[in-house]
Amino acid sequence: MNNESLEEILHSIKDNKLSLILASTKNCGVCTSIEPRVEYLVNKYPNINYKHIFIDSMIKASGEFTIFTVPTIIMFAQGKEVHRESRFIDFENLEFEISRWYDYLFN
């Protein structure tokens, strides 16, 4: 769980080359089940700025990031949104996109 404010999260997205946000709610079973897979994937790429936000605790985040359903994963490269997946997460595609942007930005 992330205890940062929305402003701190937005600042960290701008300050890091590559950021990944997992947006969920506390009572979302699917969100709970995919969280370990997302964390495993992010740990393979040490320079990714990873944030897990609960939009039921941070309501303004759903508006800021245009989140209509959970889980939603949003990836930012150099502060710009470059990839988004919602509800049904294709982890193979997600890893491909992370790898592609990671190689571009860090290699």
N, C-alpha and C. Protein backbone atom coordinates (compact mmCIF):
# COMPACT_ATOMS: atom_id res chain seq x y z
N MET A 1 0.84 -1.19 0.00
CA MET A 1 0.00 0.00 0.00
C MET A 1 0.88 1.24 0.00
N ASN A 2 0.41 2.23 -0.68
CA ASN A 2 1.18 3.45 -0.82
C ASN A 2 0.52 4.56 0.00
N ASN A 3 1.28 5.19 0.88
CA ASN A 3 0.75 6.25 1.73
C ASN A 3 1.09 7.65 1.22
N GLU A 4 1.56 7.74 -0.01
CA GLU A 4 1.90 9.04 -0.57
C GLU A 4 0.65 9.78 -1.01
N SER A 5 0.76 11.08 -1.10
CA SER A 5 -0.35 11.88 -1.60
C SER A 5 -0.36 11.82 -3.13
N LEU A 6 -1.46 12.24 -3.71
CA LEU A 6 -1.56 12.27 -5.17
C LEU A 6 -0.49 13.19 -5.75
N GLU A 7 -0.25 14.31 -5.10
CA GLU A 7 0.77 15.25 -5.59
C GLU A 7 2.16 14.61 -5.57
N GLU A 8 2.46 13.84 -4.53
CA GLU A 8 3.76 13.16 -4.46
C GLU A 8 3.89 12.10 -5.56
N ILE A 9 2.81 11.41 -5.84
CA ILE A 9 2.83 10.39 -6.89
C ILE A 9 3.03 11.06 -8.25
N LEU A 10 2.31 12.13 -8.51
CA LEU A 10 2.48 12.85 -9.78
C LEU A 10 3.90 13.38 -9.93
N HIS A 11 4.46 13.89 -8.84
CA HIS A 11 5.84 14.39 -8.87
C HIS A 11 6.82 13.25 -9.17
N SER A 12 6.60 12.08 -8.56
CA SER A 12 7.51 10.96 -8.78
C SER A 12 7.43 10.45 -10.22
N ILE A 13 6.25 10.55 -10.84
CA ILE A 13 6.11 10.17 -12.25
C ILE A 13 6.94 11.10 -13.13
N LYS A 14 6.92 12.39 -12.83
CA LYS A 14 7.68 13.35 -13.62
C LYS A 14 9.18 13.22 -13.38
N ASP A 15 9.57 12.81 -12.17
CA ASP A 15 10.99 12.73 -11.80
C ASP A 15 11.67 11.44 -12.23
N ASN A 16 10.91 10.43 -12.62
CA ASN A 16 11.49 9.13 -12.99
C ASN A 16 11.28 8.86 -14.47
N LYS A 17 12.26 8.20 -15.07
CA LYS A 17 12.16 7.90 -16.50
C LYS A 17 11.01 6.95 -16.80
N LEU A 18 10.79 5.96 -15.94
CA LEU A 18 9.77 4.95 -16.19
C LEU A 18 9.01 4.67 -14.90
N SER A 19 7.70 4.81 -14.96
CA SER A 19 6.84 4.60 -13.79
C SER A 19 5.70 3.67 -14.14
N LEU A 20 5.29 2.88 -13.16
CA LEU A 20 4.16 1.98 -13.33
C LEU A 20 3.23 2.14 -12.15
N ILE A 21 1.96 2.33 -12.44
CA ILE A 21 0.96 2.48 -11.38
C ILE A 21 -0.02 1.33 -11.49
N LEU A 22 -0.28 0.69 -10.37
CA LEU A 22 -1.36 -0.28 -10.25
C LEU A 22 -2.45 0.39 -9.44
N ALA A 23 -3.60 0.59 -10.04
CA ALA A 23 -4.74 1.19 -9.34
C ALA A 23 -5.73 0.09 -9.01
N SER A 24 -6.15 0.07 -7.75
CA SER A 24 -7.09 -0.95 -7.30
C SER A 24 -7.98 -0.38 -6.21
N THR A 25 -8.86 -1.22 -5.70
CA THR A 25 -9.65 -0.88 -4.53
C THR A 25 -9.39 -1.96 -3.48
N LYS A 26 -9.69 -1.65 -2.25
CA LYS A 26 -9.38 -2.58 -1.17
C LYS A 26 -10.21 -3.85 -1.21
N ASN A 27 -11.40 -3.80 -1.80
CA ASN A 27 -12.25 -4.98 -1.82
C ASN A 27 -12.29 -5.67 -3.18
N CYS A 28 -11.31 -5.41 -4.03
CA CYS A 28 -11.25 -6.00 -5.37
C CYS A 28 -10.45 -7.30 -5.32
N GLY A 29 -11.13 -8.42 -5.49
CA GLY A 29 -10.46 -9.72 -5.45
C GLY A 29 -9.47 -9.92 -6.58
N VAL A 30 -9.83 -9.48 -7.77
CA VAL A 30 -8.93 -9.60 -8.91
C VAL A 30 -7.66 -8.79 -8.68
N CYS A 31 -7.83 -7.59 -8.12
CA CYS A 31 -6.67 -6.73 -7.83
C CYS A 31 -5.71 -7.42 -6.86
N THR A 32 -6.28 -8.02 -5.83
CA THR A 32 -5.46 -8.72 -4.83
C THR A 32 -4.71 -9.88 -5.47
N SER A 33 -5.36 -10.58 -6.39
CA SER A 33 -4.72 -11.75 -7.00
C SER A 33 -3.62 -11.37 -7.99
N ILE A 34 -3.74 -10.22 -8.66
CA ILE A 34 -2.69 -9.85 -9.63
C ILE A 34 -1.55 -9.07 -9.02
N GLU A 35 -1.75 -8.53 -7.84
CA GLU A 35 -0.70 -7.70 -7.21
C GLU A 35 0.65 -8.42 -7.12
N PRO A 36 0.71 -9.68 -6.67
CA PRO A 36 2.02 -10.35 -6.62
C PRO A 36 2.66 -10.50 -8.00
N ARG A 37 1.86 -10.72 -9.02
CA ARG A 37 2.40 -10.85 -10.38
C ARG A 37 2.97 -9.52 -10.86
N VAL A 38 2.29 -8.44 -10.56
CA VAL A 38 2.77 -7.11 -10.95
C VAL A 38 4.08 -6.81 -10.21
N GLU A 39 4.11 -7.08 -8.91
CA GLU A 39 5.32 -6.82 -8.13
C GLU A 39 6.49 -7.68 -8.60
N TYR A 40 6.23 -8.93 -8.93
CA TYR A 40 7.29 -9.81 -9.47
C TYR A 40 7.84 -9.21 -10.76
N LEU A 41 6.96 -8.78 -11.63
CA LEU A 41 7.37 -8.20 -12.91
C LEU A 41 8.18 -6.92 -12.70
N VAL A 42 7.72 -6.06 -11.84
CA VAL A 42 8.41 -4.80 -11.57
C VAL A 42 9.78 -5.05 -10.96
N ASN A 43 9.90 -6.06 -10.11
CA ASN A 43 11.19 -6.36 -9.48
C ASN A 43 12.23 -6.84 -10.48
N LYS A 44 11.81 -7.30 -11.64
CA LYS A 44 12.75 -7.69 -12.69
C LYS A 44 13.42 -6.48 -13.34
N TYR A 45 12.84 -5.31 -13.13
CA TYR A 45 13.32 -4.07 -13.74
C TYR A 45 13.55 -3.04 -12.64
N PRO A 46 14.75 -3.02 -12.06
CA PRO A 46 14.98 -2.25 -10.83
C PRO A 46 14.83 -0.73 -10.95
N ASN A 47 14.89 -0.18 -12.13
CA ASN A 47 14.79 1.28 -12.26
C ASN A 47 13.36 1.79 -12.44
N ILE A 48 12.38 0.90 -12.37
CA ILE A 48 10.99 1.32 -12.51
C ILE A 48 10.49 1.91 -11.19
N ASN A 49 9.86 3.05 -11.30
CA ASN A 49 9.20 3.69 -10.17
C ASN A 49 7.80 3.07 -10.09
N TYR A 50 7.55 2.25 -9.07
CA TYR A 50 6.29 1.52 -8.95
C TYR A 50 5.44 2.07 -7.81
N LYS A 51 4.18 2.31 -8.10
CA LYS A 51 3.23 2.79 -7.09
C LYS A 51 1.96 1.95 -7.18
N HIS A 52 1.48 1.52 -6.04
CA HIS A 52 0.18 0.84 -5.95
C HIS A 52 -0.74 1.79 -5.21
N ILE A 53 -1.78 2.24 -5.90
CA ILE A 53 -2.70 3.18 -5.27
C ILE A 53 -4.09 2.55 -5.13
N PHE A 54 -4.72 2.87 -4.03
CA PHE A 54 -6.09 2.42 -3.78
C PHE A 54 -7.00 3.61 -4.05
N ILE A 55 -7.77 3.53 -5.12
CA ILE A 55 -8.56 4.70 -5.50
C ILE A 55 -9.75 4.94 -4.58
N ASP A 56 -10.10 3.94 -3.76
CA ASP A 56 -11.16 4.22 -2.78
C ASP A 56 -10.64 5.06 -1.63
N SER A 57 -9.33 5.10 -1.43
CA SER A 57 -8.71 5.95 -0.41
C SER A 57 -8.17 7.25 -1.00
N MET A 58 -8.00 7.27 -2.31
CA MET A 58 -7.44 8.43 -3.00
C MET A 58 -8.35 8.74 -4.20
N ILE A 59 -9.53 9.22 -3.92
CA ILE A 59 -10.57 9.38 -4.92
C ILE A 59 -10.15 10.30 -6.07
N LYS A 60 -9.37 11.32 -5.79
CA LYS A 60 -8.93 12.24 -6.84
C LYS A 60 -8.05 11.54 -7.88
N ALA A 61 -7.41 10.44 -7.49
CA ALA A 61 -6.54 9.72 -8.42
C ALA A 61 -7.33 9.14 -9.59
N SER A 62 -8.56 8.70 -9.34
CA SER A 62 -9.35 8.13 -10.43
C SER A 62 -9.64 9.19 -11.49
N GLY A 63 -9.85 10.42 -11.09
CA GLY A 63 -10.04 11.50 -12.05
C GLY A 63 -8.76 11.91 -12.73
N GLU A 64 -7.70 12.02 -11.95
CA GLU A 64 -6.40 12.44 -12.50
C GLU A 64 -5.89 11.46 -13.56
N PHE A 65 -6.05 10.16 -13.30
CA PHE A 65 -5.55 9.13 -14.20
C PHE A 65 -6.64 8.53 -15.09
N THR A 66 -7.85 9.07 -15.05
CA THR A 66 -8.98 8.60 -15.84
C THR A 66 -9.18 7.09 -15.66
N ILE A 67 -9.41 6.70 -14.43
CA ILE A 67 -9.60 5.29 -14.10
C ILE A 67 -11.09 5.04 -13.90
N PHE A 68 -11.64 4.16 -14.74
CA PHE A 68 -13.06 3.84 -14.66
C PHE A 68 -13.33 2.45 -14.09
N THR A 69 -12.32 1.60 -14.09
CA THR A 69 -12.47 0.25 -13.58
C THR A 69 -11.14 -0.19 -12.97
N VAL A 70 -11.21 -1.20 -12.13
CA VAL A 70 -10.00 -1.76 -11.53
C VAL A 70 -9.97 -3.26 -11.79
N PRO A 71 -8.79 -3.83 -11.84
CA PRO A 71 -7.49 -3.17 -11.75
C PRO A 71 -7.17 -2.41 -13.04
N THR A 72 -6.41 -1.37 -12.87
CA THR A 72 -5.87 -0.61 -14.01
C THR A 72 -4.38 -0.44 -13.79
N ILE A 73 -3.62 -0.73 -14.83
CA ILE A 73 -2.17 -0.55 -14.81
C ILE A 73 -1.84 0.52 -15.84
N ILE A 74 -1.10 1.53 -15.40
CA ILE A 74 -0.70 2.61 -16.30
C ILE A 74 0.82 2.75 -16.24
N MET A 75 1.45 2.81 -17.41
CA MET A 75 2.89 2.99 -17.46
C MET A 75 3.18 4.36 -18.07
N PHE A 76 4.13 5.05 -17.45
CA PHE A 76 4.55 6.37 -17.90
C PHE A 76 6.03 6.32 -18.25
N ALA A 77 6.39 6.89 -19.39
CA ALA A 77 7.79 7.04 -19.79
C ALA A 77 8.06 8.54 -19.90
N GLN A 78 9.03 8.99 -19.14
CA GLN A 78 9.40 10.41 -19.12
C GLN A 78 8.18 11.30 -18.87
N GLY A 79 7.31 10.84 -17.96
CA GLY A 79 6.16 11.63 -17.55
C GLY A 79 4.93 11.52 -18.43
N LYS A 80 5.02 10.80 -19.53
CA LYS A 80 3.89 10.66 -20.46
C LYS A 80 3.34 9.23 -20.40
N GLU A 81 2.02 9.12 -20.45
CA GLU A 81 1.41 7.79 -20.46
C GLU A 81 1.73 7.10 -21.78
N VAL A 82 2.27 5.86 -21.68
CA VAL A 82 2.64 5.11 -22.88
C VAL A 82 1.93 3.77 -22.97
N HIS A 83 1.33 3.31 -21.89
CA HIS A 83 0.63 2.02 -21.93
C HIS A 83 -0.39 1.97 -20.81
N ARG A 84 -1.53 1.33 -21.11
CA ARG A 84 -2.61 1.19 -20.12
C ARG A 84 -3.33 -0.13 -20.36
N GLU A 85 -3.61 -0.81 -19.27
CA GLU A 85 -4.45 -2.01 -19.32
C GLU A 85 -5.41 -1.95 -18.15
N SER A 86 -6.64 -2.37 -18.41
CA SER A 86 -7.66 -2.35 -17.37
C SER A 86 -8.44 -3.66 -17.37
N ARG A 87 -8.90 -3.99 -16.19
CA ARG A 87 -9.75 -5.15 -15.92
C ARG A 87 -9.06 -6.47 -16.23
N PHE A 88 -8.90 -6.83 -17.49
CA PHE A 88 -8.25 -8.09 -17.86
C PHE A 88 -6.82 -7.77 -18.28
N ILE A 89 -5.87 -8.09 -17.41
CA ILE A 89 -4.48 -7.73 -17.65
C ILE A 89 -3.78 -8.85 -18.42
N ASP A 90 -3.22 -8.50 -19.57
CA ASP A 90 -2.44 -9.44 -20.37
C ASP A 90 -0.98 -9.29 -19.94
N PHE A 91 -0.54 -10.18 -19.05
CA PHE A 91 0.79 -10.04 -18.47
C PHE A 91 1.91 -10.23 -19.49
N GLU A 92 1.67 -11.04 -20.50
CA GLU A 92 2.67 -11.21 -21.55
C GLU A 92 2.87 -9.89 -22.30
N ASN A 93 1.79 -9.25 -22.66
CA ASN A 93 1.87 -7.96 -23.33
C ASN A 93 2.44 -6.88 -22.41
N LEU A 94 2.04 -6.91 -21.14
CA LEU A 94 2.56 -5.93 -20.18
C LEU A 94 4.07 -6.06 -20.05
N GLU A 95 4.56 -7.29 -19.93
CA GLU A 95 6.01 -7.47 -19.82
C GLU A 95 6.72 -7.02 -21.10
N PHE A 96 6.13 -7.29 -22.25
CA PHE A 96 6.71 -6.84 -23.51
C PHE A 96 6.85 -5.31 -23.52
N GLU A 97 5.79 -4.61 -23.13
CA GLU A 97 5.81 -3.15 -23.12
C GLU A 97 6.82 -2.61 -22.10
N ILE A 98 6.86 -3.21 -20.92
CA ILE A 98 7.84 -2.78 -19.91
C ILE A 98 9.25 -2.98 -20.44
N SER A 99 9.51 -4.16 -20.99
CA SER A 99 10.84 -4.47 -21.51
C SER A 99 11.24 -3.52 -22.63
N ARG A 100 10.32 -3.24 -23.52
CA ARG A 100 10.60 -2.36 -24.66
C ARG A 100 10.96 -0.95 -24.18
N TRP A 101 10.16 -0.40 -23.29
CA TRP A 101 10.44 0.94 -22.78
C TRP A 101 11.66 0.96 -21.88
N TYR A 102 11.84 -0.08 -21.10
CA TYR A 102 13.00 -0.16 -20.21
C TYR A 102 14.29 -0.16 -21.02
N ASP A 103 14.32 -1.00 -22.07
CA ASP A 103 15.51 -1.05 -22.92
C ASP A 103 15.76 0.30 -23.60
N TYR A 104 14.73 0.94 -24.05
CA TYR A 104 14.86 2.23 -24.72
C TYR A 104 15.40 3.30 -23.77
N LEU A 105 14.90 3.31 -22.54
CA LEU A 105 15.26 4.38 -21.60
C LEU A 105 16.54 4.12 -20.81
N PHE A 106 16.89 2.86 -20.59
CA PHE A 106 18.01 2.56 -19.70
C PHE A 106 19.18 1.85 -20.37
N ASN A 107 19.05 1.45 -21.61
CA ASN A 107 20.17 0.76 -22.29
C ASN A 107 20.66 1.54 -23.48
